[in-house]
C-alpha cells in the first residue's frame, strides 16, 4: 500500500509471513508490486528519475541546514522561522528570503542587465563602470561616473551630479524637525534657502561666518541682530557696521551712516554728507546743493551761526556770528618771526591787520587805457564829512567819522559801488558802498591840485614883494 502523509510505508495485508506459510502468487505478486511502487516513488542516490510531487525537507538550522551537502554539511537551505527561509554557507546565513523580499549579507555581485522592483541594502553597493538606469532616467549613472537625477545625460552640463526638473523644488534637504534647505526654479529665477521659518548660515573651518536670519537680515561676522558685525536689513535701517564696544555706524533711511557713539559720518535724504560727534551731534555737513556748513544747518548768510562755503556763482564764504563785540580771527602765524594774530575781522565788520604790510598790484604792465585824471579838489571839498552810528550798533557806541555814499555819489559817482553790500532792503535798491582806495587817491589828487594853487600863490606873493 502507498506511504501515508508522513511518508511512512506499511506492508500490504497478509504480511508479514510466518514460518510454514505457503507462498502463493496472489500474495507474492501483490506484495512485490506494492514494494516496486514504493521504490519507484523514492529518489535514487545516483540522480536517476525526479520528483513527481513537492519535496519536503526538515527545517534544519543555520549550522545544520535542512538541505545540505555531503562534503559541507554546514552549507545549504534551512527554515529559520515561519515565513523565513535562509541560505547558509559554512554555518553563516548570507541570504534571507521572506514574503517582503530578500536580504543579502556580504557582497552581492550582479552581471548583465538586472531589473529590481525594490532594492534595500546595508553596507557598500559596488559594481563595475557600466551604466545604472533606474526608472528610465529617474536616477542615472553613466560609464564615467556622472550621476543624473531626472536626466539620462548628466555629462552634458559638465557637472558630476545633475538634478533636472522643469520647475518647482529641485533639491530639498531637511532634518524633518525644524530646518530645511531647498533649491527652486520658477519663472527663470533660481532661489535657494529654507522654506520654513529659520535662518541660512555659512561656515568656514566649521565656524559660522555669515547668515541670513528669518527676518531676511544679512549678518556677516554676527549670529544675531544684537551681535557686533556687518548687518544689512530693514531692522537696521539699511547697512549697519557694528564693531562692538561702542564703535558703530549705520547707513540707510534718512540717516545714512551715523554713529551710535563717538565720531561718525551721516548720509541722509536732505543731507548729502553730515559729520557727527558725541553720539550723533552734527558738527558739519555738505548739503544736497553742495554747500559746506560747519556748526550750522542753514546756508543762508543771515541765519544759523557757523562757517559757510556756499556754491553760488562760484563759492562764497560766510562766517555768520551772533555777538556784539569780539574778533573772528582769520590768520595766526606760528613762525617765530611775525608770530601771532596777523589779520582778523571784528564782529562789527572792522578789519584789523598790520597795514604796513598791505600791498596792491600797480605794475604798469598790468594796466591799459592809462590817462591823467581830472580835478578832484572841488569834488573832495564838496563831500561833507560826518559823524554817525550804524543802525545795528548798540546804544552808546562811539560815532564813526566818515562819508555817506549818497553824498559822494552827487559829486563823484565813480567813487561809489552800487552793486550791493549784504542783504538788499526789501523793495529798495541795493546798499551802496565806497571805493575807499579810489577815495584815497582822489584825496591825493586834491592835495596835488591844492599844492599847485599854493605854489602859484607863493609865486604871486614873491612877485609883489619884488
Protein backbone atom coordinates (compact mmCIF):
# COMPACT_ATOMS: atom_id res chain seq x y z
CA UNK A 1 0.00 0.00 0.00
CA UNK A 2 1.29 3.58 -0.59
CA UNK A 3 3.08 5.72 2.04
CA UNK A 4 0.91 7.80 4.33
CA UNK A 5 1.02 11.64 4.55
CA UNK A 6 4.08 11.45 6.80
CA UNK A 7 5.93 9.26 4.28
CA UNK A 8 5.65 6.03 6.35
CA UNK A 9 5.41 2.82 4.29
CA UNK A 10 3.20 -0.04 5.53
CA UNK A 11 3.26 -3.59 4.03
CA UNK A 12 0.04 -4.70 2.34
CA UNK A 13 -2.38 -7.14 4.03
CA UNK A 14 -1.08 -10.72 4.57
CA UNK A 15 2.29 -9.52 5.78
CA UNK A 16 4.44 -10.30 7.42
CA UNK A 17 4.51 -14.11 6.71
CA UNK A 18 5.43 -16.62 9.33
CA UNK A 19 7.17 -19.94 9.18
CA UNK A 20 5.02 -22.56 7.41
CA UNK A 21 3.02 -20.08 5.32
CA UNK A 22 2.57 -21.17 1.73
CA UNK A 23 3.96 -18.61 -0.78
CA UNK A 24 1.22 -18.15 -3.30
CA UNK A 25 1.09 -15.97 -6.42
CA UNK A 26 -1.70 -13.80 -5.08
CA UNK A 27 0.36 -12.85 -2.02
CA UNK A 28 3.73 -12.59 -3.78
CA UNK A 29 2.52 -10.58 -6.74
CA UNK A 30 0.55 -8.14 -4.59
CA UNK A 31 3.37 -7.59 -2.06
CA UNK A 32 6.16 -7.27 -4.65
CA UNK A 33 4.04 -4.88 -6.79
CA UNK A 34 3.45 -2.69 -3.74
CA UNK A 35 7.18 -2.66 -2.93
CA UNK A 36 8.01 -1.82 -6.55
CA UNK A 37 5.60 1.17 -6.49
CA UNK A 38 7.12 2.50 -3.25
CA UNK A 39 10.67 2.13 -4.53
CA UNK A 40 9.74 3.86 -7.77
CA UNK A 41 8.40 6.81 -5.73
CA UNK A 42 11.73 7.10 -3.83
CA UNK A 43 14.66 9.28 -5.05
CA UNK A 44 17.62 7.41 -6.50
CA UNK A 45 21.01 8.34 -4.99
CA UNK A 46 22.58 8.29 -8.45
CA UNK A 47 20.19 11.02 -9.61
CA UNK A 48 18.08 8.84 -11.86
CA UNK A 49 14.43 9.96 -12.05
CA UNK A 50 12.94 13.04 -10.47
CA UNK A 51 10.27 14.15 -8.01
CA UNK A 52 6.73 13.91 -9.22
CA UNK A 53 5.39 15.93 -6.22
CA UNK A 54 6.66 18.55 -3.80
CA UNK A 55 9.95 17.77 -1.99
CA UNK A 56 9.58 18.40 1.73
CA UNK A 57 12.60 18.91 4.00
CA UNK A 58 13.27 19.10 7.67
CA UNK A 59 13.54 22.76 8.86
CA UNK A 60 17.17 22.46 9.83
CA UNK A 61 19.23 25.29 11.32
CA UNK A 62 21.82 27.78 10.11
CA UNK A 63 24.57 25.39 11.18
CA UNK A 64 22.73 22.19 10.13
CA UNK A 65 20.62 23.14 7.11
CA UNK A 66 17.63 21.01 6.16
CA UNK A 67 19.08 20.67 2.66
CA UNK A 68 22.87 20.41 2.83
CA UNK A 69 25.85 18.83 1.11
CA UNK A 70 27.64 15.59 1.89
CA UNK A 71 31.06 17.24 1.89
CA UNK A 72 29.86 20.52 3.51
CA UNK A 73 27.08 19.87 5.94
CA UNK A 74 27.07 23.49 7.24
CA UNK A 75 26.10 24.94 3.88
CA UNK A 76 22.60 24.70 2.44
CA UNK A 77 18.96 25.72 2.76
CA UNK A 78 17.04 25.85 6.01
CA UNK A 79 13.83 27.24 7.54
CA UNK A 80 14.64 29.69 10.36
CA UNK A 81 11.02 30.52 11.32
CA UNK A 82 7.56 30.89 9.85
CA UNK A 83 7.92 32.66 6.51
CA UNK A 84 11.69 32.95 6.97
CA UNK A 85 13.96 30.82 4.76
CA UNK A 86 17.73 31.15 4.86
CA UNK A 87 20.70 30.11 2.77
CA UNK A 88 23.72 29.26 4.90
CA UNK A 89 27.35 28.96 3.91
CA UNK A 90 29.67 27.31 6.43
CA UNK A 91 27.19 27.90 9.22
CA UNK A 92 26.51 31.63 8.43
CA UNK A 93 23.40 32.99 6.78
CA UNK A 94 24.19 35.00 3.64
CA UNK A 95 20.70 35.13 2.10
CA UNK A 96 17.38 35.66 3.82
CA UNK A 97 14.11 35.09 1.94
CA UNK A 98 10.84 36.46 3.33
CA UNK A 99 7.48 37.44 1.97
CA UNK A 100 8.64 41.11 1.85
CA UNK A 101 11.75 40.38 -0.20
CA UNK A 102 15.31 39.15 0.01
CA UNK A 103 18.23 40.36 2.09
CA UNK A 104 21.89 39.62 1.34
CA UNK A 105 24.63 39.66 3.94
CA UNK A 106 28.00 40.46 2.41
CA UNK A 107 28.68 41.35 -1.22
CA UNK A 108 26.13 40.82 -3.99
CA UNK A 109 27.61 40.65 -7.48
CA UNK A 110 25.30 41.05 -10.48
CA UNK A 111 26.35 40.73 -14.12
CA UNK A 112 24.27 41.57 -17.13
CA UNK A 113 21.08 43.61 -17.14
CA UNK A 114 19.13 43.24 -13.92
CA UNK A 115 15.68 44.54 -13.05
CA UNK A 116 14.90 45.07 -9.37
CA UNK A 117 11.50 46.23 -8.18
CA UNK A 118 12.76 47.22 -4.71
CA UNK A 119 16.40 47.22 -3.63
CA UNK A 120 17.39 47.64 0.02
CA UNK A 121 20.89 47.08 1.33
CA UNK A 122 23.27 47.87 4.17
CA UNK A 123 26.97 48.22 3.71
CA UNK A 124 28.53 49.01 0.34
CA UNK A 125 26.97 48.52 -3.12
CA UNK A 126 29.82 48.12 -5.58
CA UNK A 127 29.98 47.27 -9.23
CA UNK A 128 31.77 47.90 -12.47
CA UNK A 129 31.83 51.01 -14.63
CA UNK A 130 28.65 50.17 -16.50
CA UNK A 131 25.52 52.28 -16.73
CA UNK A 132 22.92 52.25 -13.98
CA UNK A 133 19.50 53.41 -15.12
CA UNK A 134 16.68 53.40 -12.58
CA UNK A 135 13.20 54.38 -13.65
CA UNK A 136 14.16 55.37 -17.20
CA UNK A 137 16.29 58.30 -16.12
CA UNK A 138 14.83 58.94 -12.69
CA UNK A 139 18.30 58.04 -11.40
CA UNK A 140 21.09 57.56 -13.94
CA UNK A 141 24.83 56.86 -13.72
CA UNK A 142 26.85 56.85 -16.90
CA UNK A 143 30.04 54.88 -17.55
CA UNK A 144 32.19 57.87 -16.49
CA UNK A 145 30.61 58.10 -13.07
CA UNK A 146 28.43 61.16 -13.80
CA UNK A 147 25.10 60.95 -11.99
CA UNK A 148 21.82 62.41 -13.17
CA UNK A 149 18.51 62.67 -11.39
CA UNK A 150 15.72 63.34 -13.83
CA UNK A 151 18.09 63.12 -16.81
CA UNK A 152 19.89 60.39 -18.74
CA UNK A 153 22.60 62.77 -19.97
CA UNK A 154 24.34 64.19 -16.89
CA UNK A 155 27.60 64.69 -18.78
CA UNK A 156 26.04 67.40 -20.99
CA UNK A 157 26.44 70.10 -18.32
CA UNK A 158 29.97 69.10 -17.38
CA UNK A 159 28.94 68.51 -13.77
CA UNK A 160 29.42 65.33 -11.80
CA UNK A 161 25.88 65.47 -10.38
CA UNK A 162 22.92 66.93 -12.30
CA UNK A 163 19.40 67.25 -10.94
CA UNK A 164 16.89 68.14 -13.63
CA UNK A 165 13.33 69.35 -13.24
CA UNK A 166 11.25 71.81 -15.25
CA UNK A 167 10.16 73.94 -12.27
CA UNK A 168 9.39 73.92 -8.57
CA UNK A 169 11.59 72.49 -5.84
CA UNK A 170 14.63 70.83 -7.45
CA UNK A 171 16.51 69.74 -4.32
CA UNK A 172 15.41 69.69 -0.70
CA UNK A 173 17.45 68.84 2.41
CA UNK A 174 15.65 68.56 5.74
CA UNK A 175 16.15 67.29 9.27
CA UNK A 176 12.37 66.56 9.44
CA UNK A 177 12.14 68.69 12.59
CA UNK A 178 12.74 72.44 12.29
CA UNK A 179 15.01 73.19 9.33
CA UNK A 180 15.37 72.52 5.64
CA UNK A 181 17.24 73.81 2.62
CA UNK A 182 15.76 73.94 -0.87
CA UNK A 183 16.80 74.86 -4.38
CA UNK A 184 13.86 76.01 -6.51
CA UNK A 185 13.37 77.19 -10.07
CA UNK A 186 10.37 79.26 -11.16
CA UNK A 187 9.85 81.77 -13.99
CA UNK A 188 13.50 81.74 -14.90
CA UNK A 189 14.64 82.55 -11.34
CA UNK A 190 16.62 80.15 -9.13
CA UNK A 191 16.12 80.52 -5.38
CA UNK A 192 17.97 78.76 -2.58
CA UNK A 193 17.32 78.62 1.13
CA UNK A 194 14.94 77.25 3.74
CA UNK A 195 11.22 77.04 3.03
CA UNK A 196 10.31 77.02 6.72
CA UNK A 197 10.93 79.70 9.35
CA UNK A 198 14.63 79.66 10.11
CA UNK A 199 17.98 81.01 9.01
CA UNK A 200 20.63 80.16 6.46
CA UNK A 201 24.19 80.06 7.85
CA UNK A 202 27.54 79.89 6.04
CA UNK A 203 30.57 78.34 7.74
CA UNK A 204 34.33 78.31 7.16
CA UNK A 205 36.55 75.86 9.06
CA UNK A 206 33.39 74.71 10.88
CA UNK A 207 32.83 78.22 12.26
CA UNK A 208 29.88 80.37 11.23
CA UNK A 209 30.93 83.46 9.28
CA UNK A 210 27.67 84.70 7.76
CA UNK A 211 23.93 84.09 7.99
CA UNK A 212 20.58 85.27 6.67
CA UNK A 213 18.11 85.21 9.55
CA UNK A 214 14.37 84.51 9.44
CA UNK A 215 13.65 88.26 9.05
CA UNK A 216 15.76 88.49 5.90
CA UNK A 217 18.64 90.34 7.57
CA UNK A 218 22.16 89.58 6.32
CA UNK A 219 24.63 89.19 9.19
CA UNK A 220 28.37 88.98 8.49
CA UNK A 221 30.51 88.05 11.47
CA UNK A 222 27.39 88.06 13.64
CA UNK A 223 24.96 85.32 14.62
CA UNK A 224 22.19 87.61 15.91
CA UNK A 225 20.90 91.12 15.25
CA UNK A 226 22.29 92.19 18.63
CA UNK A 227 25.81 90.92 17.90
CA UNK A 228 28.65 93.01 16.54
CA UNK A 229 29.45 92.69 12.84
CA UNK A 230 28.19 93.84 9.46
CA UNK A 231 24.39 93.78 9.38
CA UNK A 232 22.14 94.58 6.43
CA UNK A 233 18.35 94.74 6.63
CA UNK A 234 15.29 96.87 7.33
CA UNK A 235 15.75 96.24 11.04
CA UNK A 236 18.97 98.27 10.89
CA UNK A 237 17.68 100.99 8.56
CA UNK A 238 19.95 99.72 5.79
CA UNK A 239 23.59 98.82 6.44
CA UNK A 240 24.95 98.62 10.00
CA UNK A 241 28.66 98.41 10.84
CA UNK A 242 28.89 97.39 14.48
CA UNK A 243 32.40 96.85 15.81
CA UNK A 244 31.25 96.37 19.38
CA UNK A 245 32.43 98.40 22.34
CA UNK A 246 30.57 101.50 21.13
CA UNK A 247 32.11 101.54 17.64
CA UNK A 248 29.14 101.75 15.34
CA UNK A 249 27.90 103.17 12.03
CA UNK A 250 24.64 102.78 10.12
CA UNK A 251 23.61 103.60 6.58
CA UNK A 252 20.01 103.82 5.41
CA UNK A 253 16.74 105.71 5.60
CA UNK A 254 17.07 109.45 6.26
CA UNK A 255 20.10 108.95 8.47
CA UNK A 256 22.63 107.37 6.13
CA UNK A 257 25.75 106.45 8.04
CA UNK A 258 25.71 107.73 11.61
CA UNK A 259 27.48 106.82 14.83
CA UNK A 260 25.99 105.27 17.92
CA UNK A 261 28.83 106.75 19.96
CA UNK A 262 31.95 108.71 19.11
CA UNK A 263 32.63 110.21 15.68
CA UNK A 264 30.78 109.29 12.52
CA UNK A 265 29.63 110.15 9.03
CA UNK A 266 25.98 110.55 8.08
CA UNK A 267 24.24 110.47 4.72
CA UNK A 268 20.52 111.23 4.52
CA UNK A 269 17.76 112.24 2.13
CA UNK A 270 18.05 116.00 2.74
CA UNK A 271 21.77 115.96 3.56
CA UNK A 272 24.45 114.79 1.18
CA UNK A 273 27.02 114.14 3.93
CA UNK A 274 26.96 115.01 7.62
CA UNK A 275 29.77 114.69 10.16
CA UNK A 276 28.70 113.82 13.67
CA UNK A 277 30.36 113.67 17.11
CA UNK A 278 29.41 112.79 20.68
CA UNK A 279 26.91 110.12 19.87
CA UNK A 280 25.14 111.76 16.94
CA UNK A 281 25.56 115.54 17.41
CA UNK A 282 26.03 117.06 13.98
CA UNK A 283 29.22 119.14 13.66
CA UNK A 284 29.33 119.80 9.91
CA UNK A 285 27.58 118.88 6.70
CA UNK A 286 27.69 119.08 2.95
CA UNK A 287 24.08 119.66 1.94
CA UNK A 288 22.31 118.48 -1.20
CA UNK A 289 23.31 121.72 -3.01
CA UNK A 290 27.00 121.11 -2.33
CA UNK A 291 27.31 123.78 0.39
CA UNK A 292 29.80 123.17 3.21
CA UNK A 293 28.29 124.15 6.56
CA UNK A 294 30.24 123.97 9.82
CA UNK A 295 28.37 124.39 13.10
CA UNK A 296 25.10 125.15 11.33
CA UNK A 297 22.48 123.53 9.11
CA UNK A 298 21.47 126.75 7.28
CA UNK A 299 23.23 128.03 4.18
CA UNK A 300 21.60 131.48 4.45
CA UNK A 301 24.01 134.26 5.45
CA UNK A 302 21.55 135.86 7.88
CA UNK A 303 20.53 132.74 9.81
CA UNK A 304 22.37 129.92 11.52
CA UNK A 305 25.59 130.74 13.35
CA UNK A 306 28.51 128.99 11.71
CA UNK A 307 31.01 128.89 8.88
CA UNK A 308 29.56 128.52 5.38
CA UNK A 309 31.04 127.88 1.95
CA UNK A 310 28.10 128.27 -0.42
CA UNK A 311 28.14 127.10 -4.03
CA UNK A 312 26.59 130.16 -5.67
CA UNK A 313 28.24 131.94 -8.62
CA UNK A 314 31.40 130.06 -7.74
CA UNK A 315 31.78 129.96 -3.97
CA UNK A 316 31.00 132.48 -1.29
CA UNK A 317 32.47 132.18 2.19
CA UNK A 318 30.49 133.49 5.14
CA UNK A 319 31.11 133.35 8.87
CA UNK A 320 27.73 134.05 10.48
CA UNK A 321 28.05 135.40 14.03
CA UNK A 322 25.71 136.33 16.85
CA UNK A 323 27.93 138.58 19.03
CA UNK A 324 28.08 142.31 19.86
CA UNK A 325 31.83 142.57 20.20
CA UNK A 326 34.75 140.31 19.72
CA UNK A 327 37.07 139.19 16.97
CA UNK A 328 36.81 136.42 14.45
CA UNK A 329 40.43 135.59 13.77
CA UNK A 330 41.40 134.62 10.23
CA UNK A 331 45.19 134.41 10.27
CA UNK A 332 47.54 133.28 13.03
CA UNK A 333 51.24 132.82 12.29
CA UNK A 334 53.12 130.31 14.43
CA UNK A 335 56.50 131.18 12.92
CA UNK A 336 58.99 132.79 15.30
CA UNK A 337 59.05 135.83 13.01
CA UNK A 338 55.75 137.71 12.70
CA UNK A 339 54.29 135.39 15.33
CA UNK A 340 50.69 135.82 16.49
CA UNK A 341 47.47 137.16 15.02
CA UNK A 342 48.26 138.96 11.76
CA UNK A 343 44.76 139.58 10.40
CA UNK A 344 41.23 139.30 11.72
CA UNK A 345 37.73 140.62 11.22
CA UNK A 346 35.90 142.22 14.10
CA UNK A 347 32.31 141.33 14.91
CA UNK A 348 31.31 144.86 13.79
CA UNK A 349 32.88 144.31 10.37
CA UNK A 350 36.13 146.11 11.01
CA UNK A 351 39.32 144.68 9.53
CA UNK A 352 42.49 144.62 11.63
CA UNK A 353 45.96 143.93 10.31
CA UNK A 354 49.49 145.21 10.09
CA UNK A 355 48.74 147.92 7.49
CA UNK A 356 52.41 148.48 6.76
CA UNK A 357 52.35 145.06 5.11
CA UNK A 358 49.48 145.90 2.72
CA UNK A 359 50.34 145.85 -0.96
CA UNK A 360 48.11 146.36 -4.01
CA UNK A 361 49.14 145.38 -7.52
CA UNK A 362 50.03 148.54 -9.51
CA UNK A 363 52.52 147.49 -12.17
CA UNK A 364 52.11 149.43 -15.45
CA UNK A 365 52.42 146.17 -17.36
CA UNK A 366 49.08 145.06 -15.91
CA UNK A 367 47.21 148.22 -16.92
CA UNK A 368 45.72 149.70 -20.08
CA UNK A 369 43.83 152.87 -21.11
CA UNK A 370 46.17 154.91 -18.90
CA UNK A 371 45.46 158.69 -18.69
CA UNK A 372 45.70 161.55 -16.19
CA UNK A 373 42.68 162.02 -14.02
CA UNK A 374 40.60 165.16 -13.88
CA UNK A 375 40.46 167.52 -10.93
CA UNK A 376 39.23 166.36 -7.56
CA UNK A 377 39.83 169.34 -5.29
CA UNK A 378 36.40 170.83 -5.83
CA UNK A 379 34.75 167.41 -5.60
CA UNK A 380 36.52 166.50 -2.39
CA UNK A 381 35.72 169.87 -0.89
CA UNK A 382 32.05 169.29 -1.78
CA UNK A 383 31.79 165.98 0.09
CA UNK A 384 30.65 166.54 3.66
CA UNK A 385 32.49 164.62 6.36
CA UNK A 386 30.06 163.38 9.02
CA UNK A 387 29.83 161.55 12.34
CA UNK A 388 27.36 158.68 12.60
CA UNK A 389 26.43 155.29 14.09
CA UNK A 390 25.37 152.23 12.13
CA UNK A 391 21.80 151.17 12.87
CA UNK A 392 22.85 147.74 14.13
CA UNK A 393 25.31 149.18 16.66
CA UNK A 394 24.30 149.16 20.33
CA UNK A 395 23.22 152.38 22.01
CA UNK A 396 26.08 154.49 23.31
CA UNK A 397 28.57 153.21 20.75
CA UNK A 398 31.19 155.83 19.76
CA UNK A 399 30.33 157.57 16.49
CA UNK A 400 32.30 156.86 13.34
CA UNK A 401 33.93 159.59 11.22
CA UNK A 402 33.28 159.14 7.55
CA UNK A 403 31.23 159.95 4.49
CA UNK A 404 27.83 158.97 3.18
CA UNK A 405 27.76 157.12 -0.15
CA UNK A 406 24.81 159.17 -1.40
CA UNK A 407 26.73 162.44 -0.63
CA UNK A 408 29.77 161.18 -2.53
CA UNK A 409 27.67 159.97 -5.45
CA UNK A 410 26.34 163.52 -6.06
CA UNK A 411 29.76 164.91 -6.90
CA UNK A 412 31.90 161.80 -7.64
CA UNK A 413 29.72 158.83 -8.63
CA UNK A 414 32.82 156.95 -9.83
CA UNK A 415 33.80 156.53 -6.17
CA UNK A 416 30.55 154.72 -5.29
CA UNK A 417 29.79 150.98 -5.73
CA UNK A 418 26.11 150.31 -6.48
CA UNK A 419 26.39 146.54 -6.87
CA UNK A 420 25.14 145.99 -3.33
CA UNK A 421 26.53 145.08 0.06
CA UNK A 422 24.99 142.39 2.22
CA UNK A 423 21.21 141.93 2.16
CA UNK A 424 19.20 144.31 -0.01
CA UNK A 425 16.37 146.04 1.91
CA UNK A 426 13.00 144.71 0.77
CA UNK A 427 11.54 146.79 -2.06
CA UNK A 428 14.63 149.04 -2.29
CA UNK A 429 17.80 149.32 -4.35
CA UNK A 430 20.98 147.55 -3.20
CA UNK A 431 23.07 149.10 -0.42
CA UNK A 432 25.83 151.45 -1.64
CA UNK A 433 29.48 151.29 -0.68
CA UNK A 434 32.58 153.49 -1.24
CA UNK A 435 35.71 152.58 -3.19
CA UNK A 436 37.94 153.64 -0.30
CA UNK A 437 41.19 153.14 -2.22
CA UNK A 438 39.93 155.33 -5.07
CA UNK A 439 38.80 157.90 -2.50
CA UNK A 440 42.32 157.90 -1.05
CA UNK A 441 43.82 158.62 -4.45
CA UNK A 442 41.17 161.30 -5.06
CA UNK A 443 42.35 162.97 -1.86
CA UNK A 444 45.94 162.65 -3.17
CA UNK A 445 44.88 164.31 -6.41
CA UNK A 446 43.12 167.09 -4.47
CA UNK A 447 46.30 167.69 -2.43
CA UNK A 448 48.29 167.94 -5.66
CA UNK A 449 45.82 170.48 -7.03
CA UNK A 450 45.87 172.38 -3.76
CA UNK A 451 49.67 172.35 -3.73
CA UNK A 452 49.72 173.78 -7.24
CA UNK A 453 47.49 176.61 -6.05
CA UNK A 454 49.74 177.19 -3.03
CA UNK A 455 52.81 177.34 -5.24
CA UNK A 456 51.11 179.78 -7.60
CA UNK A 457 50.10 182.00 -4.67
CA UNK A 458 53.65 181.83 -3.33
CA UNK A 459 54.95 182.91 -6.74
CA UNK A 460 52.44 185.77 -6.89
CA UNK A 461 53.37 186.94 -3.38
CA UNK A 462 57.06 186.79 -4.27
CA UNK A 463 56.44 188.87 -7.40
CA UNK A 464 54.56 191.51 -5.44
CA UNK A 465 57.35 191.70 -2.85
CA UNK A 466 59.82 192.20 -5.63
